[in-house]
C-alpha atoms as a PDB file:
ATOM      1  CA  UNK A   1      28.958  -3.088   8.692  1.00  0.00           C
ATOM      2  CA  UNK A   2      27.301  -5.435   6.337  1.00  0.00           C
ATOM      3  CA  UNK A   3      23.957  -6.387   6.740  1.00  0.00           C
ATOM      4  CA  UNK A   4      22.631  -9.736   8.046  1.00  0.00           C
ATOM      5  CA  UNK A   5      21.421 -11.688   4.807  1.00  0.00           C
ATOM      6  CA  UNK A   6      18.142 -13.583   4.566  1.00  0.00           C
ATOM      7  CA  UNK A   7      19.439 -17.390   3.980  1.00  0.00           C
ATOM      8  CA  UNK A   8      20.106 -18.847   0.459  1.00  0.00           C
ATOM      9  CA  UNK A   9      16.885 -18.900  -1.427  1.00  0.00           C
ATOM     10  CA  UNK A  10      15.910 -22.229  -1.508  1.00  0.00           C
ATOM     11  CA  UNK A  11      16.134 -22.147   2.224  1.00  0.00           C
ATOM     12  CA  UNK A  12      14.561 -19.228   2.591  1.00  0.00           C
ATOM     13  CA  UNK A  13      12.104 -20.095   0.346  1.00  0.00           C
ATOM     14  CA  UNK A  14      11.052 -23.390   2.513  1.00  0.00           C
ATOM     15  CA  UNK A  15      10.849 -20.978   5.680  1.00  0.00           C
ATOM     16  CA  UNK A  16       9.379 -17.993   4.549  1.00  0.00           C
ATOM     17  CA  UNK A  17       6.873 -18.718   1.933  1.00  0.00           C
ATOM     18  CA  UNK A  18       4.902 -21.263   4.454  1.00  0.00           C
ATOM     19  CA  UNK A  19       1.472 -20.779   4.776  1.00  0.00           C
ATOM     20  CA  UNK A  20       1.991 -18.264   7.530  1.00  0.00           C
ATOM     21  CA  UNK A  21       4.740 -16.233   6.235  1.00  0.00           C
ATOM     22  CA  UNK A  22       3.938 -15.639   2.389  1.00  0.00           C
ATOM     23  CA  UNK A  23       4.545 -11.980   1.556  1.00  0.00           C
ATOM     24  CA  UNK A  24       1.553 -11.497  -0.390  1.00  0.00           C
ATOM     25  CA  UNK A  25      -2.053 -11.343   1.527  1.00  0.00           C
ATOM     26  CA  UNK A  26      -4.853 -11.627   0.046  1.00  0.00           C
ATOM     27  CA  UNK A  27      -8.868 -11.398   0.619  1.00  0.00           C
ATOM     28  CA  UNK A  28     -11.902 -11.720  -1.145  1.00  0.00           C
ATOM     29  CA  UNK A  29     -10.207 -12.824  -3.986  1.00  0.00           C
ATOM     30  CA  UNK A  30     -13.322 -13.643  -5.855  1.00  0.00           C
ATOM     31  CA  UNK A  31     -14.950 -10.096  -5.275  1.00  0.00           C
ATOM     32  CA  UNK A  32     -17.234  -8.886  -8.050  1.00  0.00           C
ATOM     33  CA  UNK A  33     -16.282  -5.472  -7.814  1.00  0.00           C
ATOM     34  CA  UNK A  34     -14.515  -3.558 -10.334  1.00  0.00           C
ATOM     35  CA  UNK A  35     -12.063  -2.189  -7.870  1.00  0.00           C
ATOM     36  CA  UNK A  36      -8.863  -3.784  -7.367  1.00  0.00           C
ATOM     37  CA  UNK A  37      -7.540  -2.872  -3.479  1.00  0.00           C
ATOM     38  CA  UNK A  38      -3.808  -3.059  -2.756  1.00  0.00           C
ATOM     39  CA  UNK A  39      -2.059  -2.253   0.410  1.00  0.00           C
ATOM     40  CA  UNK A  40       1.819  -1.765   0.140  1.00  0.00           C
ATOM     41  CA  UNK A  41       2.502  -1.328   3.829  1.00  0.00           C
ATOM     42  CA  UNK A  42      -0.344  -3.495   5.343  1.00  0.00           C
ATOM     43  CA  UNK A  43       2.152  -5.457   7.952  1.00  0.00           C
ATOM     44  CA  UNK A  44       5.169  -4.911   9.507  1.00  0.00           C
ATOM     45  CA  UNK A  45       6.774  -8.887   9.573  1.00  0.00           C
ATOM     46  CA  UNK A  46      10.623  -8.854   9.205  1.00  0.00           C
ATOM     47  CA  UNK A  47      12.231 -12.231   8.291  1.00  0.00           C
ATOM     48  CA  UNK A  48      14.093 -13.375  11.797  1.00  0.00           C
ATOM     49  CA  UNK A  49      17.474 -13.758  10.344  1.00  0.00           C
ATOM     50  CA  UNK A  50      17.475 -10.024   9.983  1.00  0.00           C
ATOM     51  CA  UNK A  51      17.465  -9.850  13.810  1.00  0.00           C
ATOM     52  CA  UNK A  52      14.562  -6.611  13.484  1.00  0.00           C
ATOM     53  CA  UNK A  53      17.214  -5.025  11.222  1.00  0.00           C
ATOM     54  CA  UNK A  54      18.908  -3.552  14.983  1.00  0.00           C
ATOM     55  CA  UNK A  55      16.082  -1.610  15.259  1.00  0.00           C
ATOM     56  CA  UNK A  56      14.517  -1.079  18.841  1.00  0.00           C
ATOM     57  CA  UNK A  57      11.155  -2.882  18.857  1.00  0.00           C
ATOM     58  CA  UNK A  58       9.172   0.383  20.162  1.00  0.00           C
ATOM     59  CA  UNK A  59      10.525   1.674  16.169  1.00  0.00           C
ATOM     60  CA  UNK A  60       9.052  -0.825  14.798  1.00  0.00           C
ATOM     61  CA  UNK A  61       5.342   0.032  16.375  1.00  0.00           C
ATOM     62  CA  UNK A  62       5.879   3.350  14.648  1.00  0.00           C
ATOM     63  CA  UNK A  63       4.784   4.597  11.422  1.00  0.00           C
ATOM     64  CA  UNK A  64       8.281   4.137   9.832  1.00  0.00           C
ATOM     65  CA  UNK A  65       7.545   0.357   9.635  1.00  0.00           C
ATOM     66  CA  UNK A  66       4.261   0.247   8.443  1.00  0.00           C
ATOM     67  CA  UNK A  67       0.792   1.887   7.667  1.00  0.00           C
ATOM     68  CA  UNK A  68      -0.690   1.919  11.113  1.00  0.00           C
ATOM     69  CA  UNK A  69      -4.384   1.306  11.073  1.00  0.00           C
ATOM     70  CA  UNK A  70      -4.742   0.685   7.270  1.00  0.00           C
ATOM     71  CA  UNK A  71      -4.845  -3.607   7.471  1.00  0.00           C
ATOM     72  CA  UNK A  72      -7.985  -3.075   9.098  1.00  0.00           C
ATOM     73  CA  UNK A  73      -9.826  -0.423   6.817  1.00  0.00           C
ATOM     74  CA  UNK A  74      -8.386  -2.163   3.804  1.00  0.00           C
ATOM     75  CA  UNK A  75     -10.123  -5.829   5.139  1.00  0.00           C
ATOM     76  CA  UNK A  76     -13.310  -4.084   5.779  1.00  0.00           C
ATOM     77  CA  UNK A  77     -13.585  -2.015   2.521  1.00  0.00           C
ATOM     78  CA  UNK A  78     -12.749  -5.170   0.769  1.00  0.00           C
ATOM     79  CA  UNK A  79     -15.880  -7.100   2.377  1.00  0.00           C
ATOM     80  CA  UNK A  80     -17.999  -4.004   2.188  1.00  0.00           C
ATOM     81  CA  UNK A  81     -17.638  -3.146  -1.554  1.00  0.00           C
ATOM     82  CA  UNK A  82     -16.953  -7.044  -2.309  1.00  0.00           C
ATOM     83  CA  UNK A  83     -13.566  -6.025  -3.778  1.00  0.00           C
ATOM     84  CA  UNK A  84     -10.218  -8.302  -4.023  1.00  0.00           C
ATOM     85  CA  UNK A  85      -7.568  -7.018  -1.764  1.00  0.00           C
ATOM     86  CA  UNK A  86      -4.024  -8.030  -2.543  1.00  0.00           C
ATOM     87  CA  UNK A  87      -1.787  -6.913   0.521  1.00  0.00           C
ATOM     88  CA  UNK A  88       1.810  -7.063   1.503  1.00  0.00           C
ATOM     89  CA  UNK A  89       3.025  -8.599   4.779  1.00  0.00           C
ATOM     90  CA  UNK A  90       6.575  -7.360   5.050  1.00  0.00           C
ATOM     91  CA  UNK A  91       7.626  -4.339   6.880  1.00  0.00           C
ATOM     92  CA  UNK A  92       8.370  -1.414   4.470  1.00  0.00           C
ATOM     93  CA  UNK A  93      11.802  -1.059   6.635  1.00  0.00           C
ATOM     94  CA  UNK A  94      12.859  -4.498   5.063  1.00  0.00           C
ATOM     95  CA  UNK A  95      11.968  -3.445   1.611  1.00  0.00           C
ATOM     96  CA  UNK A  96       9.178  -0.546   0.645  1.00  0.00           C
ATOM     97  CA  UNK A  97       6.938  -2.175  -2.002  1.00  0.00           C
ATOM     98  CA  UNK A  98       5.897   1.151  -3.131  1.00  0.00           C
ATOM     99  CA  UNK A  99       9.336   2.391  -4.329  1.00  0.00           C
ATOM    100  CA  UNK A 100      11.409   1.678  -7.589  1.00  0.00           C
ATOM    101  CA  UNK A 101      13.784  -1.205  -6.495  1.00  0.00           C
ATOM    102  CA  UNK A 102      16.865   0.846  -7.353  1.00  0.00           C
ATOM    103  CA  UNK A 103      15.330   4.489  -5.424  1.00  0.00           C
ATOM    104  CA  UNK A 104      17.294   5.514  -2.466  1.00  0.00           C
ATOM    105  CA  UNK A 105      14.285   4.913  -0.634  1.00  0.00           C
ATOM    106  CA  UNK A 106      13.523   1.362  -1.537  1.00  0.00           C
ATOM    107  CA  UNK A 107      15.450   0.129   1.440  1.00  0.00           C
ATOM    108  CA  UNK A 108      16.138   2.727   3.628  1.00  0.00           C
ATOM    109  CA  UNK A 109      19.308   3.839   5.611  1.00  0.00           C
ATOM    110  CA  UNK A 110      17.217   6.118   7.676  1.00  0.00           C
ATOM    111  CA  UNK A 111      13.615   6.697   8.284  1.00  0.00           C
ATOM    112  CA  UNK A 112      12.402   9.870   9.440  1.00  0.00           C
ATOM    113  CA  UNK A 113      15.302  10.187  12.004  1.00  0.00           C
ATOM    114  CA  UNK A 114      15.780   6.316  12.782  1.00  0.00           C
ATOM    115  CA  UNK A 115      18.998   4.899  11.962  1.00  0.00           C
ATOM    116  CA  UNK A 116      18.273   1.357  10.411  1.00  0.00           C
ATOM    117  CA  UNK A 117      21.467  -0.514  11.348  1.00  0.00           C
ATOM    118  CA  UNK A 118      20.243  -3.761   9.259  1.00  0.00           C
ATOM    119  CA  UNK A 119      20.187  -1.914   6.009  1.00  0.00           C
ATOM    120  CA  UNK A 120      23.552  -0.473   5.720  1.00  0.00           C
ATOM    121  CA  UNK A 121      26.408  -1.822   3.754  1.00  0.00           C
ATOM    122  CA  UNK A 122      24.072  -4.109   1.817  1.00  0.00           C
ATOM    123  CA  UNK A 123      25.800  -5.898  -1.003  1.00  0.00           C
ATOM    124  CA  UNK A 124      23.807  -5.919  -4.575  1.00  0.00           C
ATOM    125  CA  UNK A 125      22.772  -9.677  -3.530  1.00  0.00           C
ATOM    126  CA  UNK A 126      21.364  -9.080  -0.305  1.00  0.00           C
ATOM    127  CA  UNK A 127      19.264  -6.150  -1.684  1.00  0.00           C
ATOM    128  CA  UNK A 128      18.209  -8.578  -4.564  1.00  0.00           C
ATOM    129  CA  UNK A 129      17.388 -11.170  -2.406  1.00  0.00           C
ATOM    130  CA  UNK A 130      14.795  -8.993  -0.640  1.00  0.00           C
ATOM    131  CA  UNK A 131      13.343  -7.769  -3.630  1.00  0.00           C
ATOM    132  CA  UNK A 132      13.053 -11.533  -4.921  1.00  0.00           C
ATOM    133  CA  UNK A 133      11.550 -12.780  -1.941  1.00  0.00           C
ATOM    134  CA  UNK A 134       9.193  -9.877  -0.663  1.00  0.00           C
ATOM    135  CA  UNK A 135       8.615  -7.509  -3.710  1.00  0.00           C
ATOM    136  CA  UNK A 136       8.452  -9.315  -6.840  1.00  0.00           C
ATOM    137  CA  UNK A 137       5.861 -12.048  -5.518  1.00  0.00           C
ATOM    138  CA  UNK A 138       3.690  -9.066  -4.139  1.00  0.00           C
ATOM    139  CA  UNK A 139       3.619  -7.048  -7.482  1.00  0.00           C
ATOM    140  CA  UNK A 140       3.519 -10.400  -9.570  1.00  0.00           C
ATOM    141  CA  UNK A 141       0.439 -10.950  -7.794  1.00  0.00           C
ATOM    142  CA  UNK A 142      -1.424  -7.381  -8.723  1.00  0.00           C
ATOM    143  CA  UNK A 143      -0.144  -7.963 -12.146  1.00  0.00           C
ATOM    144  CA  UNK A 144      -1.525 -11.626 -12.472  1.00  0.00           C
ATOM    145  CA  UNK A 145      -4.720 -10.421 -11.151  1.00  0.00           C
ATOM    146  CA  UNK A 146      -5.093  -7.479 -13.528  1.00  0.00           C
ATOM    147  CA  UNK A 147      -4.197  -9.776 -16.601  1.00  0.00           C
ATOM    148  CA  UNK A 148      -6.572 -12.137 -15.336  1.00  0.00           C
ATOM    149  CA  UNK A 149      -9.298  -9.257 -15.075  1.00  0.00           C
ATOM    150  CA  UNK A 150      -8.849  -8.044 -18.525  1.00  0.00           C
ATOM    151  CA  UNK A 151      -8.771 -11.308 -20.124  1.00  0.00           C
ATOM    152  CA  UNK A 152     -11.944 -11.838 -18.836  1.00  0.00           C
ATOM    153  CA  UNK A 153     -13.359  -8.677 -20.148  1.00  0.00           C
ATOM    154  CA  UNK A 154     -13.714  -7.319 -16.292  1.00  0.00           C
ATOM    155  CA  UNK A 155     -13.814  -3.511 -15.981  1.00  0.00           C
ATOM    156  CA  UNK A 156     -10.912  -2.697 -13.091  1.00  0.00           C
ATOM    157  CA  UNK A 157     -10.399   0.333 -11.215  1.00  0.00           C
ATOM    158  CA  UNK A 158      -7.245   0.280  -9.132  1.00  0.00           C
ATOM    159  CA  UNK A 159      -7.204   1.743  -5.411  1.00  0.00           C
ATOM    160  CA  UNK A 160      -4.263   1.854  -3.745  1.00  0.00           C
ATOM    161  CA  UNK A 161      -4.613   2.213   0.228  1.00  0.00           C
ATOM    162  CA  UNK A 162      -2.157   3.843   2.842  1.00  0.00           C
ATOM    163  CA  UNK A 163      -2.095   5.800   5.947  1.00  0.00           C
ATOM    164  CA  UNK A 164       0.033   8.746   6.936  1.00  0.00           C
ATOM    165  CA  UNK A 165       1.478  10.079  10.348  1.00  0.00           C
ATOM    166  CA  UNK A 166      -0.066  13.027  11.785  1.00  0.00           C
ATOM    167  CA  UNK A 167       3.200  14.642  12.054  1.00  0.00           C
ATOM    168  CA  UNK A 168       6.376  14.120  10.282  1.00  0.00           C
ATOM    169  CA  UNK A 169       9.759  15.762  11.250  1.00  0.00           C
ATOM    170  CA  UNK A 170       7.892  17.766  13.756  1.00  0.00           C
ATOM    171  CA  UNK A 171       5.296  19.509  11.023  1.00  0.00           C
ATOM    172  CA  UNK A 172       1.919  18.932  11.764  1.00  0.00           C
ATOM    173  CA  UNK A 173      -0.529  17.490   9.115  1.00  0.00           C
ATOM    174  CA  UNK A 174      -4.074  18.961   9.094  1.00  0.00           C
ATOM    175  CA  UNK A 175      -5.621  16.798   6.911  1.00  0.00           C
ATOM    176  CA  UNK A 176      -8.037  13.915   7.604  1.00  0.00           C
ATOM    177  CA  UNK A 177      -7.930  12.174   3.973  1.00  0.00           C
ATOM    178  CA  UNK A 178      -6.028  12.788   0.833  1.00  0.00           C
ATOM    179  CA  UNK A 179      -6.012  11.576  -2.589  1.00  0.00           C
ATOM    180  CA  UNK A 180      -2.862  10.234  -4.169  1.00  0.00           C
ATOM    181  CA  UNK A 181      -2.178  10.835  -8.218  1.00  0.00           C
ATOM    182  CA  UNK A 182      -0.155  11.687 -11.127  1.00  0.00           C
ATOM    183  CA  UNK A 183      -1.959  11.107 -14.512  1.00  0.00           C
ATOM    184  CA  UNK A 184      -5.118  10.049 -13.835  1.00  0.00           C
ATOM    185  CA  UNK A 185      -7.853  12.597 -14.666  1.00  0.00           C
ATOM    186  CA  UNK A 186     -11.099  10.658 -13.633  1.00  0.00           C
ATOM    187  CA  UNK A 187     -11.049   8.830 -10.232  1.00  0.00           C
ATOM    188  CA  UNK A 188      -9.245  11.568  -7.999  1.00  0.00           C
ATOM    189  CA  UNK A 189     -11.705  14.379  -8.670  1.00  0.00           C
ATOM    190  CA  UNK A 190     -14.681  11.778  -8.305  1.00  0.00           C
ATOM    191  CA  UNK A 191     -12.776  10.831  -4.734  1.00  0.00           C
ATOM    192  CA  UNK A 192     -12.446  14.812  -3.873  1.00  0.00           C
ATOM    193  CA  UNK A 193     -15.833  15.653  -4.790  1.00  0.00           C
ATOM    194  CA  UNK A 194     -17.282  12.637  -2.897  1.00  0.00           C
ATOM    195  CA  UNK A 195     -15.174  13.458   0.133  1.00  0.00           C
ATOM    196  CA  UNK A 196     -15.544  16.995   0.380  1.00  0.00           C
ATOM    197  CA  UNK A 197     -19.465  16.885   0.645  1.00  0.00           C
ATOM    198  CA  UNK A 198     -18.598  16.003   4.423  1.00  0.00           C
ATOM    199  CA  UNK A 199     -17.749  19.614   5.124  1.00  0.00           C
ATOM    200  CA  UNK A 200     -16.069  18.524   8.775  1.00  0.00           C
ATOM    201  CA  UNK A 201     -13.210  16.776   6.913  1.00  0.00           C
ATOM    202  CA  UNK A 202     -10.216  18.102   5.749  1.00  0.00           C
ATOM    203  CA  UNK A 203      -9.027  16.495   2.519  1.00  0.00           C
ATOM    204  CA  UNK A 204      -6.015  16.921   0.621  1.00  0.00           C
ATOM    205  CA  UNK A 205      -5.437  17.050  -3.322  1.00  0.00           C
ATOM    206  CA  UNK A 206      -2.220  15.397  -3.550  1.00  0.00           C
ATOM    207  CA  UNK A 207      -1.502  15.829   0.302  1.00  0.00           C
ATOM    208  CA  UNK A 208       0.595  14.763   2.183  1.00  0.00           C
ATOM    209  CA  UNK A 209       2.031  13.420  -0.813  1.00  0.00           C
ATOM    210  CA  UNK A 210       1.793  13.062  -4.658  1.00  0.00           C
ATOM    211  CA  UNK A 211       2.768  10.468  -7.037  1.00  0.00           C
ATOM    212  CA  UNK A 212       5.705  10.419  -9.278  1.00  0.00           C
ATOM    213  CA  UNK A 213       7.404   7.730 -11.651  1.00  0.00           C
ATOM    214  CA  UNK A 214      10.922   8.235  -9.184  1.00  0.00           C
ATOM    215  CA  UNK A 215       9.474   7.796  -5.909  1.00  0.00           C
ATOM    216  CA  UNK A 216       6.610   5.256  -6.207  1.00  0.00           C
ATOM    217  CA  UNK A 217       5.605   2.146  -8.087  1.00  0.00           C
ATOM    218  CA  UNK A 218       2.126   0.704  -7.653  1.00  0.00           C
ATOM    219  CA  UNK A 219       0.147   3.473  -9.107  1.00  0.00           C
ATOM    220  CA  UNK A 220       2.523   4.037 -11.486  1.00  0.00           C
ATOM    221  CA  UNK A 221       3.323   0.573 -12.884  1.00  0.00           C
ATOM    222  CA  UNK A 222       0.011  -1.053 -12.232  1.00  0.00           C
ATOM    223  CA  UNK A 223      -2.196   1.942 -12.745  1.00  0.00           C
ATOM    224  CA  UNK A 224      -0.758   4.112 -15.555  1.00  0.00           C
ATOM    225  CA  UNK A 225       1.033   1.750 -17.517  1.00  0.00           C
ATOM    226  CA  UNK A 226      -1.585  -0.838 -17.539  1.00  0.00           C
ATOM    227  CA  UNK A 227      -3.989   1.906 -18.736  1.00  0.00           C
ATOM    228  CA  UNK A 228      -6.314   1.695 -15.272  1.00  0.00           C
ATOM    229  CA  UNK A 229      -8.538   4.267 -14.053  1.00  0.00           C
ATOM    230  CA  UNK A 230      -6.943   4.934 -10.357  1.00  0.00           C
ATOM    231  CA  UNK A 231      -5.841   6.616  -7.272  1.00  0.00           C
ATOM    232  CA  UNK A 232      -4.276   6.471  -3.814  1.00  0.00           C
ATOM    233  CA  UNK A 233      -5.807   7.044  -0.653  1.00  0.00           C
ATOM    234  CA  UNK A 234      -4.154   8.444   2.537  1.00  0.00           C
ATOM    235  CA  UNK A 235      -5.876   8.151   5.709  1.00  0.00           C
ATOM    236  CA  UNK A 236      -4.124   9.785   9.160  1.00  0.00           C
ATOM    237  CA  UNK A 237      -3.277   7.220  10.925  1.00  0.00           C
ATOM    238  CA  UNK A 238      -4.787   8.832  14.530  1.00  0.00           C
ATOM    239  CA  UNK A 239      -8.122   8.258  13.047  1.00  0.00           C
ATOM    240  CA  UNK A 240      -7.830   4.616  12.125  1.00  0.00           C
ATOM    241  CA  UNK A 241      -5.437   3.454  15.226  1.00  0.00           C
ATOM    242  CA  UNK A 242      -8.660   1.694  16.938  1.00  0.00           C
ATOM    243  CA  UNK A 243     -11.111  -0.537  15.312  1.00  0.00           C
ATOM    244  CA  UNK A 244     -13.722   1.808  15.759  1.00  0.00           C
ATOM    245  CA  UNK A 245     -12.050   4.110  13.475  1.00  0.00           C
ATOM    246  CA  UNK A 246     -11.039   1.679  11.229  1.00  0.00           C
ATOM    247  CA  UNK A 247     -14.853   0.554  10.824  1.00  0.00           C
ATOM    248  CA  UNK A 248     -16.126   4.312  10.679  1.00  0.00           C
ATOM    249  CA  UNK A 249     -13.545   4.974   7.784  1.00  0.00           C
ATOM    250  CA  UNK A 250     -14.015   1.729   5.952  1.00  0.00           C
ATOM    251  CA  UNK A 251     -17.714   2.745   5.872  1.00  0.00           C
ATOM    252  CA  UNK A 252     -17.098   6.260   4.751  1.00  0.00           C
ATOM    253  CA  UNK A 253     -14.659   4.997   1.885  1.00  0.00           C
ATOM    254  CA  UNK A 254     -17.350   2.197   0.715  1.00  0.00           C
ATOM    255  CA  UNK A 255     -19.950   4.824   0.401  1.00  0.00           C
ATOM    256  CA  UNK A 256     -17.738   7.162  -1.361  1.00  0.00           C
ATOM    257  CA  UNK A 257     -16.532   4.702  -3.556  1.00  0.00           C
ATOM    258  CA  UNK A 258     -19.929   2.964  -4.432  1.00  0.00           C
ATOM    259  CA  UNK A 259     -21.517   6.464  -5.480  1.00  0.00           C
ATOM    260  CA  UNK A 260     -18.336   6.679  -7.699  1.00  0.00           C
ATOM    261  CA  UNK A 261     -18.716   3.186  -9.026  1.00  0.00           C
ATOM    262  CA  UNK A 262     -22.127   4.392 -10.340  1.00  0.00           C
ATOM    263  CA  UNK A 263     -20.824   7.460 -11.931  1.00  0.00           C
ATOM    264  CA  UNK A 264     -18.489   5.670 -13.687  1.00  0.00           C
ATOM    265  CA  UNK A 265     -20.856   3.094 -14.793  1.00  0.00           C
ATOM    266  CA  UNK A 266     -23.057   5.962 -16.112  1.00  0.00           C
ATOM    267  CA  UNK A 267     -20.636   7.636 -18.106  1.00  0.00           C
ATOM    268  CA  UNK A 268     -19.681   4.256 -20.093  1.00  0.00           C
ATOM    269  CA  UNK A 269     -16.180   4.547 -18.062  1.00  0.00           C
ATOM    270  CA  UNK A 270     -16.292   0.819 -16.697  1.00  0.00           C
ATOM    271  CA  UNK A 271     -18.877  -1.974 -17.824  1.00  0.00           C
END
């Protein structure tokens, strides 16, 4: 079955890029912090033309559709740190903005054990349309923000914010929070040290995921290829489902990242 297509580009642009429906969400654009925050799976919107991708509404509330709780953490953290946040409105089931566009998981046919009818049998044009309307504007905006900061001589540290399900495919995950990285040797060790100072926290080192060029996009492209100090952060979703949990974890991360910022200044790694 061929999947429904977001209508022709001109019409879709008029419909989907109104003030309420733009793919890119930004907070604190003029933030003065050296930290640039990104949130690839902030939202779970689906263009109405795709009819919820044929997926039951209950499934769209699960982790397969978005990173539960991370939007509230990200917004609070941006405010606490005076940091610029760039986030993405649409569900990762439409197109995953942290996957290389040609990877198998970019537009998933199955997520965990959930079959995604609206992603079956996509033509190249249909897949390209999702990229052009959602993926490209988001990553273009991150690029523009980094370009502007570097042109102004501003130190920039990239932090990509995510959340993870407490259990995946029946396997429990014990970590409360984890750092995700590949080539960066500066920020991840500092994050691990800061977080592990709280003895009650179970902190994952590249857990529950690592970062890889073949399976990730934001950190490899905007962090590593641009030569920025960088790390991903994953928080377990049951800890941040509530506003109280989101506030608690934003405060914890703000405290840790503020200390790390001072350390980076002290080492002469950021101005």
